[in-house]
Protein backbone atom coordinates (compact mmCIF):
# COMPACT_ATOMS: atom_id res chain seq x y z
CA UNK A 1 110.80 47.86 164.67
CA UNK A 2 108.63 46.67 167.55
CA UNK A 3 109.41 47.10 171.24
CA UNK A 4 108.41 44.69 173.98
CA UNK A 5 106.99 46.98 176.63
CA UNK A 6 105.71 46.11 180.08
CA UNK A 7 101.95 46.25 180.51
CA UNK A 8 102.25 49.48 182.50
CA UNK A 9 104.32 51.13 179.73
CA UNK A 10 102.01 49.83 177.01
CA UNK A 11 98.97 51.23 178.83
CA UNK A 12 100.75 54.56 179.31
CA UNK A 13 101.71 54.65 175.64
CA UNK A 14 98.08 54.22 174.61
CA UNK A 15 96.74 56.92 176.94
CA UNK A 16 99.58 59.31 176.09
CA UNK A 17 99.09 59.02 172.34
CA UNK A 18 95.34 59.42 172.71
CA UNK A 19 95.86 62.62 174.71
CA UNK A 20 98.34 64.05 172.20
CA UNK A 21 96.39 63.37 168.99
CA UNK A 22 94.36 66.63 169.14
CA UNK A 23 97.38 68.65 170.29
CA UNK A 24 99.85 68.00 167.47
CA UNK A 25 99.84 67.97 163.68
CA UNK A 26 99.34 64.73 161.75
CA UNK A 27 103.06 64.65 161.04
CA UNK A 28 103.88 65.33 164.69
CA UNK A 29 101.57 62.52 165.78
CA UNK A 30 103.33 60.05 163.47
CA UNK A 31 106.64 61.02 165.09
CA UNK A 32 105.20 60.47 168.56
CA UNK A 33 103.87 57.05 167.55
CA UNK A 34 107.33 56.14 166.26
CA UNK A 35 109.51 57.61 169.02
CA UNK A 36 107.55 57.21 172.26
CA UNK A 37 107.85 53.39 172.42
CA UNK A 38 111.63 53.78 172.07
CA UNK A 39 111.69 56.19 175.00
CA UNK A 40 109.55 53.90 177.16
CA UNK A 41 111.66 50.87 176.23
CA UNK A 42 114.75 52.47 177.82
CA UNK A 43 113.00 52.92 181.15
CA UNK A 44 111.71 49.33 180.98
CA UNK A 45 115.22 48.03 180.23
CA UNK A 46 116.55 50.00 183.20
CA UNK A 47 113.71 48.60 185.35
CA UNK A 48 112.71 52.10 186.39
CA UNK A 49 109.24 52.96 187.67
CA UNK A 50 108.19 56.09 185.77
CA UNK A 51 106.61 57.54 188.89
CA UNK A 52 110.02 57.39 190.59
CA UNK A 53 112.23 58.72 187.77
CA UNK A 54 114.65 61.32 189.10
CA UNK A 55 116.67 64.11 187.53
CA UNK A 56 119.67 61.79 187.73
CA UNK A 57 117.77 59.20 185.66
CA UNK A 58 116.91 61.80 183.04
CA UNK A 59 120.60 62.76 182.85
CA UNK A 60 121.50 59.08 182.38
CA UNK A 61 118.95 58.83 179.57
CA UNK A 62 120.50 61.86 177.86
CA UNK A 63 123.96 60.33 178.24
CA UNK A 64 122.68 57.07 176.71
CA UNK A 65 121.29 58.99 173.77
CA UNK A 66 124.62 60.75 173.22
CA UNK A 67 126.36 57.37 172.93
CA UNK A 68 123.96 55.91 170.37
CA UNK A 69 125.22 55.31 166.84
CA UNK A 70 123.59 54.79 163.46
CA UNK A 71 123.70 51.59 161.41
CA UNK A 72 126.91 52.97 159.86
CA UNK A 73 128.52 53.33 163.27
CA UNK A 74 128.28 57.13 163.28
CA UNK A 75 126.94 59.17 166.24
CA UNK A 76 123.25 60.01 165.91
CA UNK A 77 122.49 63.51 164.70
CA UNK A 78 122.04 66.31 167.21
CA UNK A 79 118.54 66.87 165.81
CA UNK A 80 117.62 63.23 166.50
CA UNK A 81 118.86 63.46 170.08
CA UNK A 82 116.97 66.75 170.46
CA UNK A 83 113.73 65.13 169.25
CA UNK A 84 113.99 62.14 171.60
CA UNK A 85 114.49 64.44 174.58
CA UNK A 86 111.50 66.54 173.51
CA UNK A 87 109.36 63.39 173.34
CA UNK A 88 110.53 62.36 176.82
CA UNK A 89 109.77 65.84 178.15
CA UNK A 90 106.27 65.72 176.60
CA UNK A 91 105.67 62.24 178.01
CA UNK A 92 106.58 63.31 181.55
CA UNK A 93 104.47 66.46 181.15
CA UNK A 94 101.58 64.06 180.55
CA UNK A 95 102.45 62.23 183.76
CA UNK A 96 102.36 65.53 185.65
CA UNK A 97 98.98 66.46 184.16
CA UNK A 98 97.55 63.07 185.08
CA UNK A 99 98.97 63.49 188.61
CA UNK A 100 101.20 60.43 188.40
CA UNK A 101 104.23 62.55 189.31
CA UNK A 102 104.58 65.96 190.91
CA UNK A 103 107.24 67.45 188.62
CA UNK A 104 108.90 66.73 185.29
CA UNK A 105 112.57 65.70 185.70
CA UNK A 106 113.26 66.37 182.01
CA UNK A 107 112.52 70.08 182.42
CA UNK A 108 115.87 70.36 184.23
CA UNK A 109 117.79 69.19 181.15
CA UNK A 110 119.11 71.65 178.61
CA UNK A 111 118.28 70.42 175.13
CA UNK A 112 121.30 70.10 172.83
CA UNK A 113 121.83 73.16 170.68
CA UNK A 114 120.82 72.50 167.11
CA UNK A 115 123.41 73.47 164.48
CA UNK A 116 122.57 76.83 162.93
CA UNK A 117 123.38 76.03 159.37
CA UNK A 118 121.42 75.37 156.24
CA UNK A 119 121.45 71.93 154.69
CA UNK A 120 123.72 71.37 151.72
CA UNK A 121 120.49 70.34 150.00
CA UNK A 122 120.57 73.52 147.87
CA UNK A 123 121.22 74.27 144.21
CA UNK A 124 122.11 77.58 142.60
CA UNK A 125 119.56 79.42 140.49
CA UNK A 126 121.18 78.15 137.29
CA UNK A 127 121.31 74.58 138.56
CA UNK A 128 117.63 74.61 139.55
CA UNK A 129 116.84 75.99 136.10
CA UNK A 130 118.68 73.13 134.41
CA UNK A 131 117.02 70.55 136.66
CA UNK A 132 113.49 71.87 136.08
CA UNK A 133 114.11 72.12 132.33
CA UNK A 134 115.14 68.48 132.22
CA UNK A 135 112.06 67.43 134.20
CA UNK A 136 109.93 69.46 131.81
CA UNK A 137 111.10 67.27 128.92
CA UNK A 138 109.20 64.26 130.23
CA UNK A 139 107.63 63.56 126.84
CA UNK A 140 111.02 62.68 125.30
CA UNK A 141 111.43 59.51 127.38
CA UNK A 142 110.96 56.28 125.41
CA UNK A 143 108.85 54.26 127.87
CA UNK A 144 105.34 55.35 128.92
CA UNK A 145 105.71 54.66 132.64
CA UNK A 146 108.97 56.63 132.69
CA UNK A 147 107.16 59.55 131.03
CA UNK A 148 104.38 59.39 133.62
CA UNK A 149 106.81 59.29 136.51
CA UNK A 150 108.88 62.17 135.10
CA UNK A 151 105.73 64.22 134.45
CA UNK A 152 104.53 63.64 138.00
CA UNK A 153 107.89 64.75 139.42
CA UNK A 154 107.94 67.74 137.04
CA UNK A 155 104.61 68.95 138.44
CA UNK A 156 105.58 68.36 142.08
CA UNK A 157 109.01 69.99 141.65
CA UNK A 158 107.55 73.15 140.10
CA UNK A 159 104.90 73.24 142.83
CA UNK A 160 107.45 72.88 145.65
CA UNK A 161 109.87 75.42 144.19
CA UNK A 162 107.06 77.95 143.69
CA UNK A 163 105.40 77.56 147.09
CA UNK A 164 108.31 76.53 149.31
CA UNK A 165 106.02 73.96 150.93
CA UNK A 166 107.36 70.96 152.80
CA UNK A 167 106.62 67.65 151.08
CA UNK A 168 104.30 66.62 153.94
CA UNK A 169 102.31 69.85 153.55
CA UNK A 170 102.02 69.39 149.78
CA UNK A 171 100.88 65.77 150.13
CA UNK A 172 98.08 66.73 152.53
CA UNK A 173 96.43 69.10 150.03
CA UNK A 174 93.34 68.53 147.92
CA UNK A 175 92.15 70.37 144.84
CA UNK A 176 89.85 72.42 147.10
CA UNK A 177 92.95 73.93 148.73
CA UNK A 178 94.02 75.59 145.47
CA UNK A 179 92.84 78.97 144.21
CA UNK A 180 94.55 79.06 140.83
CA UNK A 181 92.84 82.27 139.75
CA UNK A 182 94.47 84.18 142.60
CA UNK A 183 97.52 81.87 142.73
CA UNK A 184 96.94 80.90 146.36
CA UNK A 185 97.41 77.61 148.20
CA UNK A 186 95.56 77.13 151.49
CA UNK A 187 97.49 74.78 153.78
CA UNK A 188 95.01 73.61 156.44
CA UNK A 189 97.66 71.98 158.61
CA UNK A 190 101.25 73.16 158.30
CA UNK A 191 104.14 72.44 160.64
CA UNK A 192 102.92 72.53 164.24
CA UNK A 193 99.34 72.00 163.07
CA UNK A 194 98.90 75.66 162.12
CA UNK A 195 97.09 76.69 158.90
CA UNK A 196 98.75 79.10 156.50
CA UNK A 197 98.62 80.41 152.95
CA UNK A 198 101.27 79.74 150.32
CA UNK A 199 101.65 81.35 146.90
CA UNK A 200 102.09 80.15 143.34
CA UNK A 201 104.03 81.78 140.52
CA UNK A 202 102.06 82.34 137.33
CA UNK A 203 104.01 79.54 135.61
CA UNK A 204 103.38 77.08 138.44
CA UNK A 205 99.67 78.00 138.42
CA UNK A 206 99.50 77.15 134.70
CA UNK A 207 101.21 73.81 135.30
CA UNK A 208 98.78 72.99 138.11
CA UNK A 209 95.80 73.97 135.93
CA UNK A 210 96.93 71.57 133.19
CA UNK A 211 97.67 68.88 135.76
CA UNK A 212 94.19 69.12 137.28
CA UNK A 213 92.41 69.24 133.94
CA UNK A 214 94.23 66.30 132.29
CA UNK A 215 97.43 65.09 133.92
CA UNK A 216 96.10 63.96 137.28
CA UNK A 217 93.55 61.58 135.78
CA UNK A 218 96.17 60.13 133.42
CA UNK A 219 98.50 59.38 136.33
CA UNK A 220 95.79 57.87 138.54
CA UNK A 221 94.54 55.52 135.76
CA UNK A 222 91.21 55.31 137.56
CA UNK A 223 92.75 53.07 140.23
CA UNK A 224 91.31 53.15 143.73
CA UNK A 225 93.98 54.58 146.01
CA UNK A 226 94.00 55.30 149.73
CA UNK A 227 94.95 58.93 149.06
CA UNK A 228 93.12 59.43 145.76
CA UNK A 229 91.38 62.51 147.20
CA UNK A 230 94.69 64.33 147.66
CA UNK A 231 96.40 66.51 145.10
CA UNK A 232 99.20 64.06 144.31
CA UNK A 233 97.37 60.83 145.05
CA UNK A 234 99.68 59.26 147.63
CA UNK A 235 101.00 59.73 151.15
CA UNK A 236 104.15 61.64 152.01
CA UNK A 237 106.40 58.58 152.16
CA UNK A 238 105.39 57.34 148.70
CA UNK A 239 105.56 60.77 147.04
CA UNK A 240 108.97 61.47 148.59
CA UNK A 241 110.24 58.09 147.44
CA UNK A 242 109.17 58.72 143.83
CA UNK A 243 110.38 62.33 143.74
CA UNK A 244 113.73 61.70 145.43
CA UNK A 245 114.43 58.67 143.25
CA UNK A 246 113.81 60.65 140.07
CA UNK A 247 115.85 63.59 141.36
CA UNK A 248 118.80 61.25 141.95
CA UNK A 249 118.59 60.00 138.37
CA UNK A 250 118.22 63.42 136.77
CA UNK A 251 120.82 65.16 138.95
CA UNK A 252 123.23 62.33 138.15
CA UNK A 253 122.61 62.68 134.43
CA UNK A 254 123.13 66.46 134.57
CA UNK A 255 126.15 66.12 136.91
CA UNK A 256 124.44 68.29 139.51
CA UNK A 257 124.65 67.93 143.29
CA UNK A 258 121.87 65.53 144.24
CA UNK A 259 119.02 67.17 146.15
CA UNK A 260 115.82 65.82 147.66
CA UNK A 261 112.31 67.22 147.56
CA UNK A 262 113.14 69.43 150.57
CA UNK A 263 115.94 71.00 148.55
CA UNK A 264 113.43 73.08 146.58
CA UNK A 265 112.33 74.77 149.81
CA UNK A 266 115.91 75.49 150.87
CA UNK A 267 116.83 76.68 147.39
CA UNK A 268 113.81 79.00 147.19
CA UNK A 269 114.71 80.70 150.48
CA UNK A 270 118.32 81.16 149.37
CA UNK A 271 117.40 82.45 145.91
CA UNK A 272 114.85 84.94 147.24
CA UNK A 273 117.44 86.34 149.64
CA UNK A 274 120.05 86.69 146.91
CA UNK A 275 117.53 88.49 144.73
CA UNK A 276 117.02 91.11 147.43
CA UNK A 277 113.68 89.89 148.78
CA UNK A 278 112.82 91.33 152.20
CA UNK A 279 113.56 88.89 155.04
CA UNK A 280 110.05 89.19 156.46
CA UNK A 281 108.56 88.42 153.06
CA UNK A 282 110.69 85.26 152.88
CA UNK A 283 109.47 84.42 156.39
CA UNK A 284 105.85 84.67 155.23
CA UNK A 285 106.46 82.74 151.99
CA UNK A 286 108.14 79.84 153.79
CA UNK A 287 105.74 79.91 156.72
CA UNK A 288 108.36 80.37 159.42
CA UNK A 289 106.83 81.30 162.76
CA UNK A 290 110.00 83.07 163.92
CA UNK A 291 112.17 85.40 161.86
CA UNK A 292 115.20 83.76 163.47
CA UNK A 293 114.42 80.58 161.52
CA UNK A 294 114.45 82.50 158.24
CA UNK A 295 117.74 84.19 159.10
CA UNK A 296 119.57 80.90 158.57
CA UNK A 297 119.59 81.81 154.87
CA UNK A 298 121.79 84.81 155.57
CA UNK A 299 124.48 82.43 156.74
CA UNK A 300 124.52 80.81 153.32
CA UNK A 301 125.10 84.19 151.76
CA UNK A 302 128.00 84.80 154.15
CA UNK A 303 129.57 81.54 153.02
CA UNK A 304 129.30 82.73 149.42
CA UNK A 305 131.05 85.96 150.41
CA UNK A 306 133.85 84.04 152.10
CA UNK A 307 134.36 81.91 149.00
CA UNK A 308 134.42 85.01 146.82
CA UNK A 309 136.95 86.64 149.12
CA UNK A 310 139.18 83.57 148.99
CA UNK A 311 138.90 83.41 145.21
CA UNK A 312 139.35 87.06 144.30
CA UNK A 313 141.34 88.74 147.10
CA UNK A 314 144.77 89.93 145.81
CA UNK A 315 146.59 88.13 148.62
CA UNK A 316 145.15 84.85 147.34
CA UNK A 317 146.91 85.38 144.02
CA UNK A 318 150.18 86.35 145.70
CA UNK A 319 150.06 83.12 147.70
CA UNK A 320 149.27 81.12 144.55
CA UNK A 321 152.20 82.63 142.64
CA UNK A 322 154.60 81.93 145.49
CA UNK A 323 153.58 78.30 145.63
């Protein structure tokens, strides 16, 4: 969706994005390109000069965000509101650095507290096993293009569940980033633009070896693609579309809760915790900068304990018998 900005806002948008390109990750830059025009459009609609924006104006902007709704008429997510305020804060930081304003009015706002819970985008160990087994049977499908699609998703799913990588991180990789002998994956630009190392299981390393030796070429068909140099031959949006579409079909067939590509990352963190893996090891495997981020998985375990208590506590059975 395009936004009709004033010339002053359009010029600011261009200079702001140019200044931010070397400071953020590729994924972060895409978000800025998408969200900054929406922020600027509000100030244009309110006929506010950015150099004269006050703390009161920033509070009004936050209030406007809190009243926004989705296409379904539901309030926008707290995370979405959080992100728009962060973009506004970054934009006004730029205005301070370029000496357009003396101070950033958005620094006075308290960002909304993000919910500290894990997405429902998680399967149990047994459910993931069933899902991966079904994806592994790609050669049983009757139509060739269905077999190719299922094989592609099989490889990506095993790779994501082994490494815990985000789909954007996986899609940025090339063959040069893999060390299959030592089962290492070098991620040159993870979340926040920081490089890190991920790890492969022995089984996933074997799958990737077969994929690189034969499967990748079969999927590409020799076509010229914009992302042919990458491991999975397409950008994040296209890979996510293919993977999530196939996951919907397979989960539906197996009567499993439907997960997306990101569900493998969430599931891995949960499964490692349940298996007794040290929290700091999980932090390193998932590439969390702060241990506090990793600790969200302990809350999932607590929910499991509550369910077990409700199911097995003697007082539950007394209540059931009385009713």
